[in-house]
Each structure stands twice: as structure tokens, then as C-alpha cells.
Amino acid sequence: MLKRSKFETTQSQIMYRAEDLISAASNRYRITVQVANRAKRRRYEDFDTPAEDVMMKPVLRAIIEMSDELTQPEIIGEL
């Protein structure tokens, strides 16, 4: 029996988001390292989050967040 994900993003959507990130980056290696670093940071932050958010893997969450920042720059805000 297949285990269904409770998230609205499917595997194909995550693949498209990852492709968008890679195509928008000037350096594939650097964007891969950025995703890995964000996932690593999020993994340690997961100890403080509710249980339903922990079910999504940190790498997937990092890809989704970074692609959202790419497509919707207004969510980043002014620094």
C-alpha cells in the first residue's frame, strides 16, 4: 500500500521547482550547496516546530522555500 503525502506539492511539482532553481542559478554547484545548507539549518530548527511540519523532509522544504523566493520576491522583504 502506498503512503500518501499530506502536502499539496507533488513530486513532479518539486522537480519543476528544482529545475527552475537550477536554471535561474549561474552556478549549479552553488545553488545545490545553498539548498543543502538551508536544509541542514531547517533540520535543526525542526525540533521547535509542530509535528505536522516535521513530516516534510528538510531538503524538499528548502527547495520549495527557495523556489518561492525566486518566483515571489515580495515574500523576502527589504533588508
Protein backbone atom coordinates (compact mmCIF):
# COMPACT_ATOMS: atom_id res chain seq x y z
CA MET A 1 0.00 0.00 0.00
CA LEU A 2 1.36 3.41 -0.98
CA LYS A 3 1.81 6.07 1.63
CA ARG A 4 0.21 9.33 0.59
CA SER A 5 1.75 12.68 1.30
CA LYS A 6 -0.28 15.25 3.21
CA PHE A 7 1.32 18.11 1.29
CA GLU A 8 -0.22 19.92 -1.64
CA THR A 9 3.01 19.73 -3.64
CA THR A 10 3.53 16.59 -5.65
CA GLN A 11 6.81 15.05 -6.70
CA SER A 12 6.51 16.47 -10.20
CA GLN A 13 5.92 19.97 -8.80
CA ILE A 14 9.04 19.64 -6.65
CA MET A 15 11.02 18.52 -9.71
CA TYR A 16 9.80 21.56 -11.66
CA ARG A 17 10.72 23.84 -8.76
CA ALA A 18 14.19 22.31 -8.55
CA GLU A 19 14.66 22.73 -12.30
CA ASP A 20 13.60 26.38 -12.03
CA LEU A 21 16.14 26.94 -9.26
CA ILE A 22 18.94 25.34 -11.25
CA SER A 23 18.08 27.17 -14.46
CA ALA A 24 17.92 30.54 -12.67
CA ALA A 25 21.27 30.00 -10.95
CA SER A 26 24.54 30.98 -12.57
CA ASN A 27 26.32 28.06 -10.90
CA ARG A 28 24.69 24.65 -10.36
CA TYR A 29 27.12 23.66 -7.65
CA ARG A 30 26.50 26.82 -5.65
CA ILE A 31 22.70 26.52 -5.74
CA THR A 32 22.99 22.86 -4.70
CA VAL A 33 25.17 23.85 -1.75
CA GLN A 34 22.71 26.62 -0.82
CA VAL A 35 19.81 24.16 -0.81
CA ALA A 36 21.83 21.71 1.29
CA ASN A 37 22.83 24.40 3.79
CA ARG A 38 19.25 25.61 4.16
CA ALA A 39 18.02 22.05 4.61
CA LYS A 40 20.66 21.44 7.25
CA ARG A 41 19.67 24.63 9.07
CA ARG A 42 15.97 23.70 8.87
CA ARG A 43 16.67 20.22 10.21
CA TYR A 44 17.99 21.70 13.43
CA GLU A 45 15.08 24.14 13.62
CA ASP A 46 12.57 21.27 13.32
CA PHE A 47 12.98 20.42 16.98
CA ASP A 48 10.93 23.53 17.83
CA THR A 49 8.20 23.14 15.19
CA PRO A 50 4.89 21.28 15.42
CA ALA A 51 4.76 17.62 14.42
CA GLU A 52 2.85 18.16 11.15
CA ASP A 53 5.62 20.32 9.69
CA VAL A 54 8.30 17.79 10.58
CA MET A 55 6.86 15.21 8.19
CA MET A 56 8.22 17.10 5.17
CA LYS A 57 11.88 16.38 4.56
CA PRO A 58 14.19 19.38 5.06
CA VAL A 59 15.57 19.22 1.51
CA LEU A 60 12.09 19.32 -0.01
CA ARG A 61 11.13 22.21 2.25
CA ALA A 62 14.31 24.08 1.26
CA ILE A 63 13.58 23.60 -2.45
CA ILE A 64 10.02 24.84 -2.01
CA GLU A 65 11.08 27.87 0.04
CA MET A 66 13.88 28.85 -2.32
CA SER A 67 11.70 28.48 -5.42
CA ASP A 68 9.01 30.59 -3.74
CA GLU A 69 11.63 33.26 -3.02
CA LEU A 70 12.66 33.09 -6.67
CA THR A 71 9.14 33.43 -8.07
CA GLN A 72 7.71 35.71 -5.35
CA PRO A 73 10.45 38.14 -4.28
CA GLU A 74 7.98 40.16 -2.21
CA ILE A 75 7.95 37.45 0.48
CA ILE A 76 11.61 38.10 1.27
CA GLY A 77 11.09 41.73 2.28
CA GLU A 78 13.54 44.59 2.46
CA LEU A 79 16.75 44.00 4.39
